[in-house]
Amino acid sequence: MEESKVVGTPYDDVFRTLLNDCSSLIVPVINEIFGERYSGAEEIVFSKESHFMNKQGGRTDERITDTSFAIVGKESKKYHLECQSNADNSMLVRFFEYDTQIALDEEKISDHVLTVTFPHSAVLFLRCTASTPNRMKIRMITPGGNVEYGIHVIKIQSYTIESIFDKNLLFLIPFYIFTHEHLFTEYVRDKSKLRSLVYEYLEIRNRLEELLRKHYISEYVKCTIIEMSDRVLENIAGKYESVREGVKAVMGGKVLEYEAKTIRNEGLKEGVEKGIEGTVSILKSMGLMPQEIMFKIQEQYKLSPEAARKYI
């Protein structure tokens, strides 16, 4: 059977890395998009990131969803988010394919009735034009009647530094540079305009440091945001050295090379037990709460809640 794998972009990778390494940052984004009121104390349960789509001729495509997870509090809701550089005509088809597979992951059959629950879906657009939609819909025409649901849209250009910090949307910081992309050529020509951009990023860095001092975020979260911002910058401003170097200078450059992950992997070479203990020690030193630490070692080492709890 022929297989085809769809590989994500660098921006998809940053999106997924932020979600998995700093999962608490997605909660305010969900509140913003869907009008929820999650406190941040809820549990985030990730779905498998790959689904296989059967195609004609026996071919199977592996599709990778950017984010598919449930937030579990008083009730459980499933969410599916994607990061998209530009809108394209195939987007809605992909959403429907992914949403259907996510729904089938937890299918229920009772009394000859199949029940599937579709996720709440949204897309983050990194680039916008006049034709970029504000909302999209999927409509299904069935023998039993018509059903439709919306795909929510969030545009990075809609947010200023002030609104990002006021709404605690720190997850969006690595993508903020897209709001300046159309001005890169001007920044190269005009050093005063470039300084204005650099000052904006100096403000971002200072406000992250302030959140760290007040213990609203951990050192690990701060460093990951900076590292992911650097990765996006390297890709979007590859041809604009003065822009790239100016922003990197104030954001700190390569502040974090994922020390926790490196140490975790070294620990695994000496044995799973030492690896887990080493990871817990690093995460504690970074200021993570016990619940966050337990969730991360559950995910990284495929532990049950009971098994993970003994290391906390």
C-alpha atoms as a PDB file:
ATOM      1  CA  MET A   1       0.000   0.000   0.000  1.00  0.00           C
ATOM      2  CA  GLU A   2       1.458   3.352  -1.003  1.00  0.00           C
ATOM      3  CA  GLU A   3       1.787   5.913   1.770  1.00  0.00           C
ATOM      4  CA  SER A   4       2.179   9.658   1.551  1.00  0.00           C
ATOM      5  CA  LYS A   5       3.105  11.894   4.455  1.00  0.00           C
ATOM      6  CA  VAL A   6       2.317  15.590   4.592  1.00  0.00           C
ATOM      7  CA  VAL A   7       5.110  17.504   6.300  1.00  0.00           C
ATOM      8  CA  GLY A   8       4.343  20.682   8.225  1.00  0.00           C
ATOM      9  CA  THR A   9       5.984  24.091   7.790  1.00  0.00           C
ATOM     10  CA  PRO A  10       8.408  25.676  10.285  1.00  0.00           C
ATOM     11  CA  TYR A  11       5.491  27.752  11.601  1.00  0.00           C
ATOM     12  CA  ASP A  12       3.404  24.608  12.146  1.00  0.00           C
ATOM     13  CA  ASP A  13       6.340  23.163  14.074  1.00  0.00           C
ATOM     14  CA  VAL A  14       6.544  26.226  16.325  1.00  0.00           C
ATOM     15  CA  PHE A  15       2.786  26.067  16.874  1.00  0.00           C
ATOM     16  CA  ARG A  16       2.926  22.410  17.928  1.00  0.00           C
ATOM     17  CA  THR A  17       6.048  22.892  20.037  1.00  0.00           C
ATOM     18  CA  LEU A  18       4.449  25.715  21.999  1.00  0.00           C
ATOM     19  CA  LEU A  19       1.314  23.686  22.576  1.00  0.00           C
ATOM     20  CA  ASN A  20       3.151  20.597  23.783  1.00  0.00           C
ATOM     21  CA  ASP A  21       5.933  22.256  25.774  1.00  0.00           C
ATOM     22  CA  CYS A  22       3.880  25.122  27.253  1.00  0.00           C
ATOM     23  CA  SER A  23       0.343  23.756  27.002  1.00  0.00           C
ATOM     24  CA  SER A  24      -1.080  26.149  29.590  1.00  0.00           C
ATOM     25  CA  LEU A  25      -0.520  29.038  27.138  1.00  0.00           C
ATOM     26  CA  ILE A  26      -3.248  27.765  24.826  1.00  0.00           C
ATOM     27  CA  VAL A  27      -6.026  28.164  27.413  1.00  0.00           C
ATOM     28  CA  PRO A  28      -6.328  31.984  27.140  1.00  0.00           C
ATOM     29  CA  VAL A  29      -6.315  31.583  23.349  1.00  0.00           C
ATOM     30  CA  ILE A  30      -9.239  29.169  23.574  1.00  0.00           C
ATOM     31  CA  ASN A  31     -11.035  31.651  25.841  1.00  0.00           C
ATOM     32  CA  GLU A  32     -10.404  34.408  23.278  1.00  0.00           C
ATOM     33  CA  ILE A  33     -11.554  32.420  20.244  1.00  0.00           C
ATOM     34  CA  PHE A  34     -14.557  30.591  21.651  1.00  0.00           C
ATOM     35  CA  GLY A  35     -15.641  32.894  24.468  1.00  0.00           C
ATOM     36  CA  GLU A  36     -14.867  30.266  27.109  1.00  0.00           C
ATOM     37  CA  ARG A  37     -14.018  31.057  30.732  1.00  0.00           C
ATOM     38  CA  TYR A  38     -11.405  28.454  31.561  1.00  0.00           C
ATOM     39  CA  SER A  39      -9.329  29.333  34.612  1.00  0.00           C
ATOM     40  CA  GLY A  40      -6.189  27.512  33.488  1.00  0.00           C
ATOM     41  CA  ALA A  41      -6.516  24.861  36.191  1.00  0.00           C
ATOM     42  CA  GLU A  42      -8.234  22.454  33.793  1.00  0.00           C
ATOM     43  CA  GLU A  43      -6.482  19.393  32.414  1.00  0.00           C
ATOM     44  CA  ILE A  44      -5.416  19.371  28.763  1.00  0.00           C
ATOM     45  CA  VAL A  45      -5.563  15.925  27.166  1.00  0.00           C
ATOM     46  CA  PHE A  46      -3.908  15.575  23.767  1.00  0.00           C
ATOM     47  CA  SER A  47      -5.225  13.450  20.944  1.00  0.00           C
ATOM     48  CA  LYS A  48      -2.972  11.517  18.614  1.00  0.00           C
ATOM     49  CA  GLU A  49      -1.464  13.966  16.147  1.00  0.00           C
ATOM     50  CA  SER A  50      -1.589  11.747  13.046  1.00  0.00           C
ATOM     51  CA  HIS A  51      -4.602  10.350  11.218  1.00  0.00           C
ATOM     52  CA  PHE A  52      -4.693   8.160   8.149  1.00  0.00           C
ATOM     53  CA  MET A  53      -7.031   9.074   5.297  1.00  0.00           C
ATOM     54  CA  ASN A  54      -8.089   6.335   2.881  1.00  0.00           C
ATOM     55  CA  LYS A  55      -7.883   7.444  -0.742  1.00  0.00           C
ATOM     56  CA  GLN A  56      -8.914   5.924  -4.040  1.00  0.00           C
ATOM     57  CA  GLY A  57      -6.731   3.140  -5.390  1.00  0.00           C
ATOM     58  CA  GLY A  58      -5.855   1.867  -1.918  1.00  0.00           C
ATOM     59  CA  ARG A  59      -3.539   4.787  -1.157  1.00  0.00           C
ATOM     60  CA  THR A  60      -3.355   6.107   2.396  1.00  0.00           C
ATOM     61  CA  ASP A  61      -2.325   9.647   3.286  1.00  0.00           C
ATOM     62  CA  GLU A  62      -1.029  10.474   6.733  1.00  0.00           C
ATOM     63  CA  ARG A  63      -2.245  13.880   7.811  1.00  0.00           C
ATOM     64  CA  ILE A  64      -0.812  15.686  10.801  1.00  0.00           C
ATOM     65  CA  THR A  65      -3.171  17.906  12.765  1.00  0.00           C
ATOM     66  CA  ASP A  66      -1.529  20.949  14.316  1.00  0.00           C
ATOM     67  CA  THR A  67      -3.442  20.717  17.564  1.00  0.00           C
ATOM     68  CA  SER A  68      -6.163  18.365  18.669  1.00  0.00           C
ATOM     69  CA  PHE A  69      -6.922  18.137  22.358  1.00  0.00           C
ATOM     70  CA  ALA A  70      -9.609  18.169  25.011  1.00  0.00           C
ATOM     71  CA  ILE A  71      -9.890  20.575  27.914  1.00  0.00           C
ATOM     72  CA  VAL A  72     -11.285  18.737  30.909  1.00  0.00           C
ATOM     73  CA  GLY A  73     -12.911  20.670  33.737  1.00  0.00           C
ATOM     74  CA  LYS A  74     -16.517  20.406  34.865  1.00  0.00           C
ATOM     75  CA  GLU A  75     -17.108  19.043  31.388  1.00  0.00           C
ATOM     76  CA  SER A  76     -14.863  17.929  28.550  1.00  0.00           C
ATOM     77  CA  LYS A  77     -14.679  19.755  25.226  1.00  0.00           C
ATOM     78  CA  LYS A  78     -12.594  18.812  22.208  1.00  0.00           C
ATOM     79  CA  TYR A  79     -10.737  21.432  20.179  1.00  0.00           C
ATOM     80  CA  HIS A  80      -8.907  21.408  16.877  1.00  0.00           C
ATOM     81  CA  LEU A  81      -6.719  24.341  15.874  1.00  0.00           C
ATOM     82  CA  GLU A  82      -4.522  24.930  12.867  1.00  0.00           C
ATOM     83  CA  CYS A  83      -1.877  27.480  12.037  1.00  0.00           C
ATOM     84  CA  GLN A  84      -2.093  28.714   8.439  1.00  0.00           C
ATOM     85  CA  SER A  85       0.268  31.088   6.626  1.00  0.00           C
ATOM     86  CA  ASN A  86      -2.264  31.876   3.904  1.00  0.00           C
ATOM     87  CA  ALA A  87      -5.855  30.887   3.120  1.00  0.00           C
ATOM     88  CA  ASP A  88      -6.271  28.353   0.335  1.00  0.00           C
ATOM     89  CA  ASN A  89      -9.193  26.604  -1.295  1.00  0.00           C
ATOM     90  CA  SER A  90      -8.392  23.208   0.223  1.00  0.00           C
ATOM     91  CA  MET A  91      -8.496  24.397   3.832  1.00  0.00           C
ATOM     92  CA  LEU A  92     -12.122  23.566   4.497  1.00  0.00           C
ATOM     93  CA  VAL A  93     -11.697  20.113   2.980  1.00  0.00           C
ATOM     94  CA  ARG A  94      -8.749  19.450   5.285  1.00  0.00           C
ATOM     95  CA  PHE A  95     -10.695  20.714   8.294  1.00  0.00           C
ATOM     96  CA  PHE A  96     -13.588  18.410   7.490  1.00  0.00           C
ATOM     97  CA  GLU A  97     -11.248  15.429   7.055  1.00  0.00           C
ATOM     98  CA  TYR A  98      -9.447  16.126  10.330  1.00  0.00           C
ATOM     99  CA  ASP A  99     -12.600  16.907  12.287  1.00  0.00           C
ATOM    100  CA  THR A 100     -14.253  13.717  11.066  1.00  0.00           C
ATOM    101  CA  GLN A 101     -11.278  11.586  12.072  1.00  0.00           C
ATOM    102  CA  ILE A 102     -11.062  13.309  15.473  1.00  0.00           C
ATOM    103  CA  ALA A 103     -14.781  12.635  15.986  1.00  0.00           C
ATOM    104  CA  LEU A 104     -14.346   8.976  15.030  1.00  0.00           C
ATOM    105  CA  ASP A 105     -11.529   8.558  17.557  1.00  0.00           C
ATOM    106  CA  GLU A 106     -14.152   8.480  20.313  1.00  0.00           C
ATOM    107  CA  GLU A 107     -17.130   7.047  18.477  1.00  0.00           C
ATOM    108  CA  LYS A 108     -19.933   5.492  20.494  1.00  0.00           C
ATOM    109  CA  ILE A 109     -22.365   2.864  19.252  1.00  0.00           C
ATOM    110  CA  SER A 110     -25.458   2.074  21.259  1.00  0.00           C
ATOM    111  CA  ASP A 111     -28.745   0.524  20.130  1.00  0.00           C
ATOM    112  CA  HIS A 112     -27.558   0.595  16.520  1.00  0.00           C
ATOM    113  CA  VAL A 113     -26.858   4.336  16.737  1.00  0.00           C
ATOM    114  CA  LEU A 114     -23.388   5.736  15.985  1.00  0.00           C
ATOM    115  CA  THR A 115     -22.655   8.928  17.901  1.00  0.00           C
ATOM    116  CA  VAL A 116     -19.647  11.085  17.047  1.00  0.00           C
ATOM    117  CA  THR A 117     -18.681  14.396  18.639  1.00  0.00           C
ATOM    118  CA  PHE A 118     -17.026  16.943  16.376  1.00  0.00           C
ATOM    119  CA  PRO A 119     -14.398  19.266  17.889  1.00  0.00           C
ATOM    120  CA  HIS A 120     -14.634  23.019  18.195  1.00  0.00           C
ATOM    121  CA  SER A 121     -12.380  24.152  15.357  1.00  0.00           C
ATOM    122  CA  ALA A 122     -10.426  27.307  14.581  1.00  0.00           C
ATOM    123  CA  VAL A 123      -7.563  28.552  12.434  1.00  0.00           C
ATOM    124  CA  LEU A 124      -4.846  31.106  13.193  1.00  0.00           C
ATOM    125  CA  PHE A 125      -3.988  33.083  10.050  1.00  0.00           C
ATOM    126  CA  LEU A 126      -0.446  34.446  10.059  1.00  0.00           C
ATOM    127  CA  ARG A 127      -0.900  36.467   6.865  1.00  0.00           C
ATOM    128  CA  CYS A 128      -4.033  38.340   5.813  1.00  0.00           C
ATOM    129  CA  THR A 129      -5.362  39.988   2.675  1.00  0.00           C
ATOM    130  CA  ALA A 130      -8.687  41.592   1.851  1.00  0.00           C
ATOM    131  CA  SER A 131      -9.983  38.155   0.858  1.00  0.00           C
ATOM    132  CA  THR A 132      -8.987  36.385   4.088  1.00  0.00           C
ATOM    133  CA  PRO A 133     -12.273  35.238   5.666  1.00  0.00           C
ATOM    134  CA  ASN A 134     -13.417  36.259   9.123  1.00  0.00           C
ATOM    135  CA  ARG A 135     -15.356  33.020   9.551  1.00  0.00           C
ATOM    136  CA  MET A 136     -15.781  29.792   7.633  1.00  0.00           C
ATOM    137  CA  LYS A 137     -18.473  27.121   7.654  1.00  0.00           C
ATOM    138  CA  ILE A 138     -18.831  23.458   6.891  1.00  0.00           C
ATOM    139  CA  ARG A 139     -22.315  22.449   5.763  1.00  0.00           C
ATOM    140  CA  MET A 140     -23.381  18.809   5.482  1.00  0.00           C
ATOM    141  CA  ILE A 141     -26.465  17.932   3.483  1.00  0.00           C
ATOM    142  CA  THR A 142     -27.736  14.608   4.761  1.00  0.00           C
ATOM    143  CA  PRO A 143     -30.849  12.493   4.140  1.00  0.00           C
ATOM    144  CA  GLY A 144     -31.916  13.433   7.674  1.00  0.00           C
ATOM    145  CA  GLY A 145     -31.487  17.153   7.219  1.00  0.00           C
ATOM    146  CA  ASN A 146     -28.786  19.780   6.865  1.00  0.00           C
ATOM    147  CA  VAL A 147     -26.111  20.326   9.525  1.00  0.00           C
ATOM    148  CA  GLU A 148     -23.486  23.068   9.622  1.00  0.00           C
ATOM    149  CA  TYR A 149     -20.830  24.311  11.996  1.00  0.00           C
ATOM    150  CA  GLY A 150     -18.384  27.199  11.960  1.00  0.00           C
ATOM    151  CA  ILE A 151     -14.608  27.278  11.786  1.00  0.00           C
ATOM    152  CA  HIS A 152     -13.548  30.225  13.923  1.00  0.00           C
ATOM    153  CA  VAL A 153     -10.857  32.544  12.560  1.00  0.00           C
ATOM    154  CA  ILE A 154      -8.185  34.414  14.488  1.00  0.00           C
ATOM    155  CA  LYS A 155      -5.770  36.774  12.713  1.00  0.00           C
ATOM    156  CA  ILE A 156      -2.427  37.715  14.209  1.00  0.00           C
ATOM    157  CA  GLN A 157      -2.759  41.185  12.630  1.00  0.00           C
ATOM    158  CA  SER A 158      -5.713  41.875  14.939  1.00  0.00           C
ATOM    159  CA  TYR A 159      -3.454  41.995  18.001  1.00  0.00           C
ATOM    160  CA  THR A 160      -1.092  44.614  19.367  1.00  0.00           C
ATOM    161  CA  ILE A 161       1.542  44.046  22.027  1.00  0.00           C
ATOM    162  CA  GLU A 162      -0.807  45.697  24.507  1.00  0.00           C
ATOM    163  CA  SER A 163      -3.742  43.416  23.708  1.00  0.00           C
ATOM    164  CA  ILE A 164      -1.540  40.299  23.729  1.00  0.00           C
ATOM    165  CA  PHE A 165      -0.379  41.000  27.264  1.00  0.00           C
ATOM    166  CA  ASP A 166      -3.724  42.376  28.489  1.00  0.00           C
ATOM    167  CA  LYS A 167      -5.464  39.164  27.388  1.00  0.00           C
ATOM    168  CA  ASN A 168      -2.568  36.907  28.391  1.00  0.00           C
ATOM    169  CA  LEU A 169      -2.211  35.658  24.808  1.00  0.00           C
ATOM    170  CA  LEU A 170       1.493  34.869  25.223  1.00  0.00           C
ATOM    171  CA  PHE A 171       1.072  31.935  22.834  1.00  0.00           C
ATOM    172  CA  LEU A 172       0.842  34.483  19.984  1.00  0.00           C
ATOM    173  CA  ILE A 173       4.153  36.261  20.708  1.00  0.00           C
ATOM    174  CA  PRO A 174       6.345  34.123  18.389  1.00  0.00           C
ATOM    175  CA  PHE A 175       4.004  34.978  15.497  1.00  0.00           C
ATOM    176  CA  TYR A 176       3.767  38.712  16.236  1.00  0.00           C
ATOM    177  CA  ILE A 177       6.546  39.447  13.715  1.00  0.00           C
ATOM    178  CA  PHE A 178       4.037  38.684  10.927  1.00  0.00           C
ATOM    179  CA  THR A 179       2.317  42.006  11.704  1.00  0.00           C
ATOM    180  CA  HIS A 180       5.515  43.725  10.501  1.00  0.00           C
ATOM    181  CA  GLU A 181       6.315  41.539   7.491  1.00  0.00           C
ATOM    182  CA  HIS A 182       4.993  44.060   4.939  1.00  0.00           C
ATOM    183  CA  LEU A 183       7.378  46.692   6.353  1.00  0.00           C
ATOM    184  CA  PHE A 184      10.630  44.690   6.248  1.00  0.00           C
ATOM    185  CA  THR A 185      11.905  46.513   3.144  1.00  0.00           C
ATOM    186  CA  GLU A 186      11.256  49.876   4.799  1.00  0.00           C
ATOM    187  CA  TYR A 187      13.078  48.781   7.949  1.00  0.00           C
ATOM    188  CA  VAL A 188      16.145  47.926   5.869  1.00  0.00           C
ATOM    189  CA  ARG A 189      16.109  51.369   4.224  1.00  0.00           C
ATOM    190  CA  ASP A 190      15.140  53.443   7.251  1.00  0.00           C
ATOM    191  CA  LYS A 191      17.096  52.812  10.453  1.00  0.00           C
ATOM    192  CA  SER A 192      14.733  54.956  12.543  1.00  0.00           C
ATOM    193  CA  LYS A 193      11.817  52.694  11.581  1.00  0.00           C
ATOM    194  CA  LEU A 194      13.947  49.656  12.350  1.00  0.00           C
ATOM    195  CA  ARG A 195      14.662  51.091  15.805  1.00  0.00           C
ATOM    196  CA  SER A 196      10.922  51.410  16.363  1.00  0.00           C
ATOM    197  CA  LEU A 197      10.526  47.672  15.646  1.00  0.00           C
ATOM    198  CA  VAL A 198      13.424  46.825  17.957  1.00  0.00           C
ATOM    199  CA  TYR A 199      11.877  48.913  20.747  1.00  0.00           C
ATOM    200  CA  GLU A 200       8.644  46.936  20.377  1.00  0.00           C
ATOM    201  CA  TYR A 201      10.538  43.709  20.914  1.00  0.00           C
ATOM    202  CA  LEU A 202      12.438  45.238  23.813  1.00  0.00           C
ATOM    203  CA  GLU A 203       9.026  45.918  25.379  1.00  0.00           C
ATOM    204  CA  ILE A 204       7.998  42.294  24.781  1.00  0.00           C
ATOM    205  CA  ARG A 205      11.189  41.047  26.435  1.00  0.00           C
ATOM    206  CA  ASN A 206      10.791  43.403  29.410  1.00  0.00           C
ATOM    207  CA  ARG A 207       7.151  42.430  29.929  1.00  0.00           C
ATOM    208  CA  LEU A 208       8.040  38.733  29.837  1.00  0.00           C
ATOM    209  CA  GLU A 209      10.729  39.386  32.449  1.00  0.00           C
ATOM    210  CA  GLU A 210       8.166  41.214  34.584  1.00  0.00           C
ATOM    211  CA  LEU A 211       5.757  38.264  34.363  1.00  0.00           C
ATOM    212  CA  LEU A 212       8.613  35.990  35.421  1.00  0.00           C
ATOM    213  CA  ARG A 213       9.467  38.196  38.396  1.00  0.00           C
ATOM    214  CA  LYS A 214       5.829  38.090  39.497  1.00  0.00           C
ATOM    215  CA  HIS A 215       5.779  34.282  39.068  1.00  0.00           C
ATOM    216  CA  TYR A 216       3.000  34.445  36.457  1.00  0.00           C
ATOM    217  CA  ILE A 217       5.191  32.399  34.131  1.00  0.00           C
ATOM    218  CA  SER A 218       8.179  30.119  34.701  1.00  0.00           C
ATOM    219  CA  GLU A 219      11.697  30.532  33.353  1.00  0.00           C
ATOM    220  CA  TYR A 220      11.009  27.584  31.083  1.00  0.00           C
ATOM    221  CA  VAL A 221       7.931  29.233  29.540  1.00  0.00           C
ATOM    222  CA  LYS A 222       9.732  32.550  29.050  1.00  0.00           C
ATOM    223  CA  CYS A 223      12.718  30.896  27.375  1.00  0.00           C
ATOM    224  CA  THR A 224      10.539  28.735  25.157  1.00  0.00           C
ATOM    225  CA  ILE A 225       8.583  31.775  23.917  1.00  0.00           C
ATOM    226  CA  ILE A 226      11.874  33.503  23.097  1.00  0.00           C
ATOM    227  CA  GLU A 227      13.314  30.435  21.367  1.00  0.00           C
ATOM    228  CA  MET A 228      10.169  29.927  19.290  1.00  0.00           C
ATOM    229  CA  SER A 229      10.138  33.643  18.375  1.00  0.00           C
ATOM    230  CA  ASP A 230      13.691  33.225  17.139  1.00  0.00           C
ATOM    231  CA  ARG A 231      12.729  30.243  14.976  1.00  0.00           C
ATOM    232  CA  VAL A 232       9.882  32.155  13.326  1.00  0.00           C
ATOM    233  CA  LEU A 233      12.141  35.174  12.817  1.00  0.00           C
ATOM    234  CA  GLU A 234      14.839  33.082  11.125  1.00  0.00           C
ATOM    235  CA  ASN A 235      12.297  31.864   8.576  1.00  0.00           C
ATOM    236  CA  ILE A 236      10.288  34.991   7.905  1.00  0.00           C
ATOM    237  CA  ALA A 237      13.211  37.454   7.856  1.00  0.00           C
ATOM    238  CA  GLY A 238      15.846  35.230   6.272  1.00  0.00           C
ATOM    239  CA  LYS A 239      16.560  37.823   3.559  1.00  0.00           C
ATOM    240  CA  TYR A 240      16.509  40.828   5.902  1.00  0.00           C
ATOM    241  CA  GLU A 241      19.617  40.592   8.045  1.00  0.00           C
ATOM    242  CA  SER A 242      19.231  43.955   9.801  1.00  0.00           C
ATOM    243  CA  VAL A 243      15.653  43.092  10.825  1.00  0.00           C
ATOM    244  CA  ARG A 244      16.627  39.608  11.972  1.00  0.00           C
ATOM    245  CA  GLU A 245      19.687  40.668  13.935  1.00  0.00           C
ATOM    246  CA  GLY A 246      18.018  43.710  15.449  1.00  0.00           C
ATOM    247  CA  VAL A 247      15.136  41.719  16.925  1.00  0.00           C
ATOM    248  CA  LYS A 248      17.366  38.837  18.025  1.00  0.00           C
ATOM    249  CA  ALA A 249      19.667  41.270  19.852  1.00  0.00           C
ATOM    250  CA  VAL A 250      16.942  42.408  22.232  1.00  0.00           C
ATOM    251  CA  MET A 251      15.080  39.110  22.513  1.00  0.00           C
ATOM    252  CA  GLY A 252      18.205  37.293  23.623  1.00  0.00           C
ATOM    253  CA  GLY A 253      19.063  35.133  20.632  1.00  0.00           C
ATOM    254  CA  LYS A 254      19.513  31.474  21.387  1.00  0.00           C
ATOM    255  CA  VAL A 255      18.591  31.678  25.046  1.00  0.00           C
ATOM    256  CA  LEU A 256      17.367  28.126  25.358  1.00  0.00           C
ATOM    257  CA  GLU A 257      18.543  25.045  23.507  1.00  0.00           C
ATOM    258  CA  TYR A 258      15.937  22.950  25.280  1.00  0.00           C
ATOM    259  CA  GLU A 259      18.136  22.057  28.211  1.00  0.00           C
ATOM    260  CA  ALA A 260      15.346  20.083  29.858  1.00  0.00           C
ATOM    261  CA  LYS A 261      14.894  17.905  26.799  1.00  0.00           C
ATOM    262  CA  THR A 262      18.639  17.377  26.390  1.00  0.00           C
ATOM    263  CA  ILE A 263      19.091  16.365  30.007  1.00  0.00           C
ATOM    264  CA  ARG A 264      16.021  14.158  29.801  1.00  0.00           C
ATOM    265  CA  ASN A 265      17.482  12.294  26.826  1.00  0.00           C
ATOM    266  CA  GLU A 266      20.860  11.911  28.526  1.00  0.00           C
ATOM    267  CA  GLY A 267      19.091  10.544  31.567  1.00  0.00           C
ATOM    268  CA  LEU A 268      17.288   7.974  29.456  1.00  0.00           C
ATOM    269  CA  LYS A 269      20.621   6.547  28.353  1.00  0.00           C
ATOM    270  CA  GLU A 270      21.381   5.716  31.975  1.00  0.00           C
ATOM    271  CA  GLY A 271      17.957   4.272  32.602  1.00  0.00           C
ATOM    272  CA  VAL A 272      14.348   5.328  32.576  1.00  0.00           C
ATOM    273  CA  GLU A 273      14.212   5.862  36.328  1.00  0.00           C
ATOM    274  CA  LYS A 274      17.169   8.250  36.379  1.00  0.00           C
ATOM    275  CA  GLY A 275      15.817   9.970  33.298  1.00  0.00           C
ATOM    276  CA  ILE A 276      12.464  10.684  34.928  1.00  0.00           C
ATOM    277  CA  GLU A 277      14.064  11.851  38.169  1.00  0.00           C
ATOM    278  CA  GLY A 278      16.380  14.153  36.233  1.00  0.00           C
ATOM    279  CA  THR A 279      13.509  15.626  34.262  1.00  0.00           C
ATOM    280  CA  VAL A 280      11.475  16.256  37.420  1.00  0.00           C
ATOM    281  CA  SER A 281      14.453  17.991  39.017  1.00  0.00           C
ATOM    282  CA  ILE A 282      14.948  20.281  35.996  1.00  0.00           C
ATOM    283  CA  LEU A 283      11.265  21.147  35.738  1.00  0.00           C
ATOM    284  CA  LYS A 284      11.119  21.941  39.463  1.00  0.00           C
ATOM    285  CA  SER A 285      14.111  24.266  39.109  1.00  0.00           C
ATOM    286  CA  MET A 286      12.275  26.064  36.305  1.00  0.00           C
ATOM    287  CA  GLY A 287       9.398  26.832  38.646  1.00  0.00           C
ATOM    288  CA  LEU A 288       6.742  24.541  37.202  1.00  0.00           C
ATOM    289  CA  MET A 289       3.867  23.578  39.470  1.00  0.00           C
ATOM    290  CA  PRO A 290       3.553  19.911  40.575  1.00  0.00           C
ATOM    291  CA  GLN A 291       0.499  19.374  38.359  1.00  0.00           C
ATOM    292  CA  GLU A 292       2.403  20.703  35.320  1.00  0.00           C
ATOM    293  CA  ILE A 293       5.393  18.480  36.110  1.00  0.00           C
ATOM    294  CA  MET A 294       3.220  15.410  36.535  1.00  0.00           C
ATOM    295  CA  PHE A 295       1.476  16.044  33.220  1.00  0.00           C
ATOM    296  CA  LYS A 296       4.759  16.541  31.363  1.00  0.00           C
ATOM    297  CA  ILE A 297       6.387  13.353  32.631  1.00  0.00           C
ATOM    298  CA  GLN A 298       3.154  11.459  31.912  1.00  0.00           C
ATOM    299  CA  GLU A 299       3.309  12.648  28.336  1.00  0.00           C
ATOM    300  CA  GLN A 300       7.057  12.290  27.812  1.00  0.00           C
ATOM    301  CA  TYR A 301       7.427   8.853  29.398  1.00  0.00           C
ATOM    302  CA  LYS A 302       3.961   7.435  28.662  1.00  0.00           C
ATOM    303  CA  LEU A 303       3.169   6.971  32.359  1.00  0.00           C
ATOM    304  CA  SER A 304      -0.177   6.463  34.028  1.00  0.00           C
ATOM    305  CA  PRO A 305      -1.259   9.176  36.510  1.00  0.00           C
ATOM    306  CA  GLU A 306      -0.488   6.791  39.379  1.00  0.00           C
ATOM    307  CA  ALA A 307       3.001   6.025  38.085  1.00  0.00           C
ATOM    308  CA  ALA A 308       3.783   9.703  37.472  1.00  0.00           C
ATOM    309  CA  ARG A 309       2.545  10.821  40.890  1.00  0.00           C
ATOM    310  CA  LYS A 310       5.260   8.898  42.775  1.00  0.00           C
ATOM    311  CA  TYR A 311       7.960  11.111  41.253  1.00  0.00           C
ATOM    312  CA  ILE A 312       6.381  14.390  42.426  1.00  0.00           C
END
